[in-house]
Amino acid sequence: MATDSANSKLRKFIETRGAIAHRGELEQSITRAYVEGHRQFIIRLSVRTANTVRSKVKQEIGTSPGQELGMEILDESNIKKRMLFVLTHTL
């Protein structure tokens, strides 16, 4: 997804979230497909952002953040496992 398109999608998602959380009103219903599509989008965006930051830090200081702790490069599977862990241990 192009940067402009991703920015637009994220902005609309944040606006929708704000409408629900702060005003309790929406112009349209939120469907399961909408939620799942945006969940996947946020996961991909998180993975790409984390890996880009890790790469830039490694380029600047010569080591990846967390490398000495054995932390791996993120992928969608890692993020899903971590999200599930957080959700099941905080609810």
C-alpha atoms as a PDB file:
ATOM      1  CA  MET A   1       0.000   0.000   0.000  1.00  0.00           C
ATOM      2  CA  ALA A   2       1.353   3.422  -0.916  1.00  0.00           C
ATOM      3  CA  THR A   3       2.258   5.822   1.889  1.00  0.00           C
ATOM      4  CA  ASP A   4      -0.485   8.321   1.029  1.00  0.00           C
ATOM      5  CA  SER A   5      -3.070   5.562   0.921  1.00  0.00           C
ATOM      6  CA  ALA A   6      -1.889   4.120   4.252  1.00  0.00           C
ATOM      7  CA  ASN A   7      -1.942   7.582   5.860  1.00  0.00           C
ATOM      8  CA  SER A   8      -5.473   8.176   4.622  1.00  0.00           C
ATOM      9  CA  LYS A   9      -6.697   4.786   5.834  1.00  0.00           C
ATOM     10  CA  LEU A  10      -5.095   5.277   9.252  1.00  0.00           C
ATOM     11  CA  ARG A  11      -6.521   8.804   9.567  1.00  0.00           C
ATOM     12  CA  LYS A  12     -10.044   7.559   8.751  1.00  0.00           C
ATOM     13  CA  PHE A  13      -9.648   4.699  11.242  1.00  0.00           C
ATOM     14  CA  ILE A  14      -8.596   7.139  13.988  1.00  0.00           C
ATOM     15  CA  GLU A  15     -11.525   9.429  13.179  1.00  0.00           C
ATOM     16  CA  THR A  16     -13.939   6.485  13.360  1.00  0.00           C
ATOM     17  CA  ARG A  17     -12.444   5.370  16.656  1.00  0.00           C
ATOM     18  CA  GLY A  18     -12.824   8.917  18.010  1.00  0.00           C
ATOM     19  CA  ALA A  19     -16.451   9.067  16.910  1.00  0.00           C
ATOM     20  CA  ILE A  20     -17.172   5.848  18.785  1.00  0.00           C
ATOM     21  CA  ALA A  21     -15.118   6.548  21.899  1.00  0.00           C
ATOM     22  CA  HIS A  22     -15.861  10.224  22.447  1.00  0.00           C
ATOM     23  CA  ARG A  23     -19.156  10.943  20.781  1.00  0.00           C
ATOM     24  CA  GLY A  24     -20.808   7.536  20.655  1.00  0.00           C
ATOM     25  CA  GLU A  25     -22.103   8.159  17.169  1.00  0.00           C
ATOM     26  CA  LEU A  26     -21.363   6.892  13.685  1.00  0.00           C
ATOM     27  CA  GLU A  27     -22.869   7.545  10.295  1.00  0.00           C
ATOM     28  CA  GLN A  28     -22.570   3.867   9.340  1.00  0.00           C
ATOM     29  CA  SER A  29     -22.426   0.519  11.126  1.00  0.00           C
ATOM     30  CA  ILE A  30     -19.125  -1.166  11.865  1.00  0.00           C
ATOM     31  CA  THR A  31     -19.022  -4.645  10.375  1.00  0.00           C
ATOM     32  CA  ARG A  32     -16.914  -7.627  11.291  1.00  0.00           C
ATOM     33  CA  ALA A  33     -15.190  -7.315   7.895  1.00  0.00           C
ATOM     34  CA  TYR A  34     -14.308  -3.669   8.662  1.00  0.00           C
ATOM     35  CA  VAL A  35     -12.799  -4.647  12.015  1.00  0.00           C
ATOM     36  CA  GLU A  36     -10.855  -7.591  10.585  1.00  0.00           C
ATOM     37  CA  GLY A  37      -9.558  -5.576   7.641  1.00  0.00           C
ATOM     38  CA  HIS A  38      -8.350  -2.785   9.891  1.00  0.00           C
ATOM     39  CA  ARG A  39      -6.864  -5.237  12.386  1.00  0.00           C
ATOM     40  CA  GLN A  40      -4.778  -6.730   9.580  1.00  0.00           C
ATOM     41  CA  PHE A  41      -3.827  -3.234   8.374  1.00  0.00           C
ATOM     42  CA  ILE A  42      -2.664  -2.187  11.866  1.00  0.00           C
ATOM     43  CA  ILE A  43      -0.643  -5.404  12.241  1.00  0.00           C
ATOM     44  CA  ARG A  44       1.107  -4.878   8.889  1.00  0.00           C
ATOM     45  CA  LEU A  45       1.726  -1.218   9.674  1.00  0.00           C
ATOM     46  CA  SER A  46       3.160  -2.126  13.092  1.00  0.00           C
ATOM     47  CA  VAL A  47       5.477  -4.744  11.622  1.00  0.00           C
ATOM     48  CA  ARG A  48       6.762  -2.452   8.881  1.00  0.00           C
ATOM     49  CA  THR A  49       7.267   0.446  11.295  1.00  0.00           C
ATOM     50  CA  ALA A  50       9.104  -1.668  13.886  1.00  0.00           C
ATOM     51  CA  ASN A  51      11.361  -3.249  11.288  1.00  0.00           C
ATOM     52  CA  THR A  52      12.143   0.099   9.639  1.00  0.00           C
ATOM     53  CA  VAL A  53      13.069   1.645  12.994  1.00  0.00           C
ATOM     54  CA  ARG A  54      15.176  -1.407  13.880  1.00  0.00           C
ATOM     55  CA  SER A  55      16.998  -1.177  10.546  1.00  0.00           C
ATOM     56  CA  LYS A  56      17.698   2.558  10.911  1.00  0.00           C
ATOM     57  CA  VAL A  57      18.954   2.148  14.484  1.00  0.00           C
ATOM     58  CA  LYS A  58      21.212  -0.726  13.413  1.00  0.00           C
ATOM     59  CA  GLN A  59      22.550   1.412  10.568  1.00  0.00           C
ATOM     60  CA  GLU A  60      23.381   4.236  13.015  1.00  0.00           C
ATOM     61  CA  ILE A  61      24.762   2.334  16.020  1.00  0.00           C
ATOM     62  CA  GLY A  62      25.815  -0.986  14.509  1.00  0.00           C
ATOM     63  CA  THR A  63      23.444  -3.213  16.454  1.00  0.00           C
ATOM     64  CA  SER A  64      19.727  -3.828  16.466  1.00  0.00           C
ATOM     65  CA  PRO A  65      17.696  -2.752  19.484  1.00  0.00           C
ATOM     66  CA  GLY A  66      17.069  -5.810  21.621  1.00  0.00           C
ATOM     67  CA  GLN A  67      19.621  -7.945  19.764  1.00  0.00           C
ATOM     68  CA  GLU A  68      21.489  -8.670  22.986  1.00  0.00           C
ATOM     69  CA  LEU A  69      18.183  -9.822  24.487  1.00  0.00           C
ATOM     70  CA  GLY A  70      17.508 -12.219  21.623  1.00  0.00           C
ATOM     71  CA  MET A  71      14.576 -10.246  20.258  1.00  0.00           C
ATOM     72  CA  GLU A  72      13.620 -11.183  16.732  1.00  0.00           C
ATOM     73  CA  ILE A  73      12.601  -9.119  13.743  1.00  0.00           C
ATOM     74  CA  LEU A  74       8.854  -8.757  13.840  1.00  0.00           C
ATOM     75  CA  ASP A  75       6.486 -10.398  11.441  1.00  0.00           C
ATOM     76  CA  GLU A  76       2.719 -10.738  11.435  1.00  0.00           C
ATOM     77  CA  SER A  77       2.865 -13.987  13.397  1.00  0.00           C
ATOM     78  CA  ASN A  78       4.885 -12.391  16.223  1.00  0.00           C
ATOM     79  CA  ILE A  79       2.511  -9.436  16.425  1.00  0.00           C
ATOM     80  CA  LYS A  80      -0.596 -11.644  16.489  1.00  0.00           C
ATOM     81  CA  LYS A  81       0.866 -13.748  19.324  1.00  0.00           C
ATOM     82  CA  ARG A  82       1.772 -10.650  21.321  1.00  0.00           C
ATOM     83  CA  MET A  83      -1.622  -9.029  20.740  1.00  0.00           C
ATOM     84  CA  LEU A  84      -3.394 -12.208  21.828  1.00  0.00           C
ATOM     85  CA  PHE A  85      -1.219 -12.427  24.946  1.00  0.00           C
ATOM     86  CA  VAL A  86      -1.960  -8.821  25.911  1.00  0.00           C
ATOM     87  CA  LEU A  87      -5.684  -9.203  25.277  1.00  0.00           C
ATOM     88  CA  THR A  88      -6.007 -12.437  27.232  1.00  0.00           C
ATOM     89  CA  HIS A  89      -3.983 -11.146  30.183  1.00  0.00           C
ATOM     90  CA  THR A  90      -5.589  -7.725  30.521  1.00  0.00           C
ATOM     91  CA  LEU A  91      -9.305  -8.498  30.181  1.00  0.00           C
END
